[in-house]
């Protein structure tokens, strides 16, 4: 685009601090928000007084892609496939321990419990690493985790990869099926990243930014580099992202309600 890009990491408040800076910026296309599902879904849905409405507070530019999570189990559990996990959980109600360490992992767990009608015990953790460590040790039976943390353990047979959350299989784990291929309904909530501008940014600017971003993401060398991190690039037009955000707000709202996660 003939312009330098400066990446400024604004940490804190689950992305709400960065969101506030973008909201206060001029809608000229020079300040953009690379946001995940945390500031776009969890922040507005889990606050009794939401700091913003993600539909009206930002101008959608393009989807960037989806984070891959893989359901892994301990070899101590006699389940190497999703169907075997469900069968074992049904035969042993309340005896399968399932770790969660974030709103996303808790929702993925809750959807399996609801759709498969099984009784498993959720064990909350403060982070992904200690949860995976305890699955490796056999004290926890299962967890949804990222390929970057679990890949080597799956390849070495120290963990069983049962399913990935993305709509298509992961290049890092081509042998692991999607949740749908594994016999489960698709997980309705998506773990994504997308690009937004301030509210009232013109359609022309949003469309130009979207085209340029999608052109970059289509380059094979870029895709190969990003694939290694377990992130599935997927672009969109601005209006497609807008529809996606509205659809995901409804899905995340249902998911939080089903999981018993209430606004605070």
Protein backbone atom coordinates (compact mmCIF):
# COMPACT_ATOMS: atom_id res chain seq x y z
CA UNK A 1 0.00 0.00 0.00
CA UNK A 2 3.02 2.23 -0.06
CA UNK A 3 2.77 2.95 3.67
CA UNK A 4 4.73 1.67 6.67
CA UNK A 5 2.73 -0.32 9.22
CA UNK A 6 3.46 -0.01 12.94
CA UNK A 7 2.28 -2.80 15.24
CA UNK A 8 1.44 -1.52 18.71
CA UNK A 9 0.60 -4.16 21.31
CA UNK A 10 -1.95 -2.73 23.74
CA UNK A 11 -2.25 -5.30 26.51
CA UNK A 12 -4.84 -5.50 29.26
CA UNK A 13 -8.53 -5.95 29.98
CA UNK A 14 -8.85 -8.84 27.49
CA UNK A 15 -8.26 -6.49 24.57
CA UNK A 16 -10.71 -3.79 25.72
CA UNK A 17 -7.89 -1.24 26.14
CA UNK A 18 -6.80 -1.70 22.54
CA UNK A 19 -10.45 -1.58 21.44
CA UNK A 20 -10.96 1.74 23.23
CA UNK A 21 -7.98 3.30 21.46
CA UNK A 22 -9.31 2.25 18.06
CA UNK A 23 -12.79 3.51 18.90
CA UNK A 24 -11.33 6.93 19.74
CA UNK A 25 -9.33 7.13 16.50
CA UNK A 26 -10.28 8.88 13.28
CA UNK A 27 -11.99 6.53 10.78
CA UNK A 28 -9.40 7.23 8.10
CA UNK A 29 -7.94 3.73 7.75
CA UNK A 30 -4.71 4.57 9.55
CA UNK A 31 -5.66 2.96 12.87
CA UNK A 32 -6.85 -0.65 12.76
CA UNK A 33 -7.74 -3.30 15.31
CA UNK A 34 -6.52 -6.88 14.89
CA UNK A 35 -8.98 -8.50 17.27
CA UNK A 36 -9.61 -12.05 18.41
CA UNK A 37 -12.85 -13.54 19.68
CA UNK A 38 -11.88 -12.41 23.21
CA UNK A 39 -12.46 -8.65 22.80
CA UNK A 40 -15.15 -9.12 20.15
CA UNK A 41 -17.22 -11.79 21.95
CA UNK A 42 -16.20 -12.40 25.54
CA UNK A 43 -15.73 -8.79 26.61
CA UNK A 44 -19.14 -7.50 25.43
CA UNK A 45 -21.05 -10.66 26.38
CA UNK A 46 -19.57 -11.24 29.83
CA UNK A 47 -19.93 -7.71 31.18
CA UNK A 48 -23.18 -6.57 32.78
CA UNK A 49 -22.25 -3.13 31.45
CA UNK A 50 -20.48 -3.87 28.14
CA UNK A 51 -17.86 -1.24 27.18
CA UNK A 52 -18.96 -1.39 23.52
CA UNK A 53 -21.15 -3.11 20.97
CA UNK A 54 -18.84 -4.95 18.54
CA UNK A 55 -21.37 -4.52 15.72
CA UNK A 56 -21.66 -0.71 15.94
CA UNK A 57 -18.34 0.30 17.53
CA UNK A 58 -16.16 -0.91 14.65
CA UNK A 59 -16.08 -1.14 10.87
CA UNK A 60 -15.45 -4.70 9.65
CA UNK A 61 -12.55 -5.09 7.21
CA UNK A 62 -11.71 -8.78 6.82
CA UNK A 63 -11.59 -12.04 8.63
CA UNK A 64 -7.94 -13.06 9.11
CA UNK A 65 -8.38 -16.66 10.14
CA UNK A 66 -9.17 -19.22 12.80
CA UNK A 67 -7.16 -20.58 15.69
CA UNK A 68 -6.86 -24.34 15.72
CA UNK A 69 -7.60 -26.24 18.91
CA UNK A 70 -7.18 -29.98 19.14
CA UNK A 71 -8.96 -32.24 21.62
CA UNK A 72 -6.28 -34.40 23.21
CA UNK A 73 -6.59 -37.24 25.68
CA UNK A 74 -4.18 -39.07 27.92
CA UNK A 75 -3.08 -42.56 26.84
CA UNK A 76 -4.22 -43.58 30.33
CA UNK A 77 -7.77 -43.18 29.00
CA UNK A 78 -8.92 -46.05 26.74
CA UNK A 79 -10.09 -43.68 24.00
CA UNK A 80 -8.20 -42.99 20.79
CA UNK A 81 -11.18 -41.56 18.88
CA UNK A 82 -14.04 -39.21 19.65
CA UNK A 83 -16.59 -42.04 19.53
CA UNK A 84 -14.49 -44.06 21.98
CA UNK A 85 -14.28 -41.06 24.34
CA UNK A 86 -18.05 -40.58 24.25
CA UNK A 87 -18.69 -44.30 24.77
CA UNK A 88 -16.29 -44.42 27.72
CA UNK A 89 -17.78 -41.27 29.28
CA UNK A 90 -21.30 -42.69 28.98
CA UNK A 91 -20.23 -45.98 30.54
CA UNK A 92 -18.36 -44.15 33.33
CA UNK A 93 -20.41 -41.07 34.27
CA UNK A 94 -18.53 -38.51 36.32
CA UNK A 95 -15.20 -40.32 35.98
CA UNK A 96 -13.67 -38.41 33.04
CA UNK A 97 -11.82 -35.23 34.08
CA UNK A 98 -11.75 -32.48 31.45
CA UNK A 99 -9.50 -29.45 31.87
CA UNK A 100 -10.45 -25.89 30.85
CA UNK A 101 -8.33 -22.75 31.12
CA UNK A 102 -10.29 -20.11 29.19
CA UNK A 103 -13.80 -19.16 28.15
CA UNK A 104 -13.14 -20.73 24.74
CA UNK A 105 -11.97 -24.09 26.13
CA UNK A 106 -14.88 -24.14 28.57
CA UNK A 107 -17.37 -23.54 25.76
CA UNK A 108 -15.86 -26.29 23.62
CA UNK A 109 -16.12 -28.66 26.59
CA UNK A 110 -19.70 -27.62 27.31
CA UNK A 111 -20.76 -28.24 23.72
CA UNK A 112 -19.43 -31.80 23.80
CA UNK A 113 -21.20 -32.46 27.10
CA UNK A 114 -24.47 -31.09 25.73
CA UNK A 115 -24.46 -32.63 22.25
CA UNK A 116 -23.17 -36.03 23.38
CA UNK A 117 -25.23 -36.04 26.58
CA UNK A 118 -22.35 -37.19 28.76
CA UNK A 119 -21.39 -36.52 32.38
CA UNK A 120 -17.78 -35.36 32.64
CA UNK A 121 -16.08 -33.31 35.34
CA UNK A 122 -14.60 -29.94 34.31
CA UNK A 123 -11.41 -28.97 36.16
CA UNK A 124 -10.51 -25.26 35.79
CA UNK A 125 -6.88 -24.28 35.23
CA UNK A 126 -5.15 -20.91 35.10
CA UNK A 127 -3.39 -21.64 31.83
CA UNK A 128 -2.96 -24.03 28.92
CA UNK A 129 0.52 -25.28 29.84
CA UNK A 130 -0.31 -26.68 33.31
CA UNK A 131 -3.51 -28.26 31.94
CA UNK A 132 -1.57 -30.08 29.20
CA UNK A 133 1.11 -31.09 31.71
CA UNK A 134 -1.51 -32.80 33.86
CA UNK A 135 -3.01 -34.57 30.85
CA UNK A 136 0.47 -35.85 30.05
CA UNK A 137 0.77 -37.00 33.66
CA UNK A 138 -2.58 -38.80 33.54
CA UNK A 139 -4.23 -36.86 36.38
CA UNK A 140 -6.47 -35.12 33.81
CA UNK A 141 -8.00 -37.10 30.98
CA UNK A 142 -8.71 -34.51 28.26
CA UNK A 143 -8.34 -30.89 27.18
CA UNK A 144 -8.74 -28.66 24.13
CA UNK A 145 -5.29 -27.19 23.44
CA UNK A 146 -3.27 -25.58 20.66
CA UNK A 147 -1.11 -27.59 18.24
CA UNK A 148 1.95 -25.55 19.21
CA UNK A 149 1.75 -27.02 22.73
CA UNK A 150 0.56 -30.53 21.85
CA UNK A 151 2.01 -31.36 18.42
CA UNK A 152 5.24 -33.02 19.54
CA UNK A 153 3.42 -35.01 22.23
CA UNK A 154 0.86 -36.28 19.69
CA UNK A 155 3.60 -37.28 17.24
CA UNK A 156 5.44 -39.13 20.02
CA UNK A 157 2.29 -40.94 21.19
CA UNK A 158 2.25 -39.24 24.58
CA UNK A 159 -1.14 -37.71 23.76
CA UNK A 160 -3.97 -38.87 21.51
CA UNK A 161 -5.35 -36.26 19.10
CA UNK A 162 -9.09 -36.88 18.72
CA UNK A 163 -10.40 -33.90 16.75
CA UNK A 164 -9.63 -30.33 15.67
CA UNK A 165 -12.10 -27.46 16.01
CA UNK A 166 -11.53 -25.91 12.58
CA UNK A 167 -13.92 -26.58 9.66
CA UNK A 168 -11.12 -28.37 7.78
CA UNK A 169 -8.22 -30.49 9.00
CA UNK A 170 -5.02 -28.84 10.16
CA UNK A 171 -1.90 -29.07 7.96
CA UNK A 172 0.03 -29.71 11.16
CA UNK A 173 -2.19 -32.66 12.08
CA UNK A 174 -3.61 -34.05 8.82
CA UNK A 175 -4.33 -37.40 10.47
CA UNK A 176 -6.61 -35.81 13.12
CA UNK A 177 -10.24 -35.41 11.95
CA UNK A 178 -12.41 -32.36 12.44
CA UNK A 179 -15.13 -32.60 15.09
CA UNK A 180 -17.67 -33.21 12.30
CA UNK A 181 -15.54 -35.93 10.70
CA UNK A 182 -15.18 -37.46 14.17
CA UNK A 183 -18.97 -37.80 14.40
CA UNK A 184 -19.88 -34.72 16.44
CA UNK A 185 -21.94 -31.69 15.40
CA UNK A 186 -19.76 -28.69 14.45
CA UNK A 187 -18.71 -26.50 17.37
CA UNK A 188 -20.86 -23.42 16.85
CA UNK A 189 -18.46 -20.91 18.41
CA UNK A 190 -15.36 -20.07 16.40
CA UNK A 191 -11.94 -19.01 17.65
CA UNK A 192 -10.92 -16.31 15.22
CA UNK A 193 -8.93 -13.19 14.46
CA UNK A 194 -10.20 -10.39 12.26
CA UNK A 195 -9.33 -6.85 11.21
CA UNK A 196 -11.54 -3.89 12.10
CA UNK A 197 -11.41 -0.11 11.82
CA UNK A 198 -13.16 2.56 13.88
CA UNK A 199 -16.88 3.06 13.39
CA UNK A 200 -17.96 5.12 10.37
CA UNK A 201 -14.91 4.24 8.29
CA UNK A 202 -15.92 4.55 4.65
CA UNK A 203 -16.87 1.50 2.62
CA UNK A 204 -14.19 2.43 0.07
CA UNK A 205 -11.41 2.38 2.67
CA UNK A 206 -12.65 -0.87 4.21
CA UNK A 207 -12.86 -2.53 0.80
CA UNK A 208 -9.34 -1.38 -0.17
CA UNK A 209 -7.84 -2.65 3.08
CA UNK A 210 -9.70 -5.94 2.70
CA UNK A 211 -8.45 -6.48 -0.85
CA UNK A 212 -4.84 -5.75 0.09
CA UNK A 213 -4.97 -8.02 3.14
CA UNK A 214 -6.52 -10.90 1.22
CA UNK A 215 -3.91 -10.55 -1.52
CA UNK A 216 -1.13 -10.82 1.07
CA UNK A 217 -2.74 -13.82 2.76
CA UNK A 218 -3.04 -15.65 -0.56
CA UNK A 219 0.74 -15.77 -1.03
CA UNK A 220 1.98 -19.38 -0.58
CA UNK A 221 5.03 -18.37 1.44
CA UNK A 222 2.84 -16.41 3.87
CA UNK A 223 0.39 -19.29 4.25
CA UNK A 224 3.18 -21.79 4.86
CA UNK A 225 4.73 -19.59 7.53
CA UNK A 226 1.42 -19.05 9.36
CA UNK A 227 0.37 -22.72 9.05
CA UNK A 228 3.34 -23.69 11.22
CA UNK A 229 1.74 -21.84 14.13
CA UNK A 230 -1.55 -23.71 13.96
CA UNK A 231 -3.49 -20.74 12.58
CA UNK A 232 -5.71 -21.23 9.53
CA UNK A 233 -5.72 -18.11 7.34
CA UNK A 234 -9.13 -17.23 5.93
CA UNK A 235 -10.03 -13.84 4.52
CA UNK A 236 -13.37 -12.22 3.73
CA UNK A 237 -15.06 -9.14 2.34
CA UNK A 238 -16.08 -6.46 4.87
CA UNK A 239 -19.77 -7.32 4.62
CA UNK A 240 -19.00 -11.02 5.13
CA UNK A 241 -17.11 -10.22 8.32
CA UNK A 242 -20.00 -8.08 9.54
CA UNK A 243 -22.41 -10.98 9.07
CA UNK A 244 -19.92 -13.37 10.71
CA UNK A 245 -19.63 -11.15 13.81
CA UNK A 246 -23.41 -11.01 14.22
CA UNK A 247 -23.72 -14.78 13.78
CA UNK A 248 -20.91 -15.44 16.26
CA UNK A 249 -22.37 -13.09 18.86
CA UNK A 250 -25.51 -15.23 18.87
CA UNK A 251 -23.48 -18.46 19.00
CA UNK A 252 -21.20 -17.29 21.82
CA UNK A 253 -24.20 -15.97 23.78
CA UNK A 254 -25.90 -19.39 23.57
CA UNK A 255 -22.63 -21.11 24.41
CA UNK A 256 -22.03 -19.04 27.52
CA UNK A 257 -25.61 -19.59 28.63
CA UNK A 258 -25.37 -23.36 28.10
CA UNK A 259 -22.05 -23.46 29.97
CA UNK A 260 -23.48 -21.50 32.90
CA UNK A 261 -21.07 -18.59 32.36
CA UNK A 262 -22.87 -15.39 33.36
CA UNK A 263 -22.00 -11.69 32.90
CA UNK A 264 -20.24 -10.05 35.81
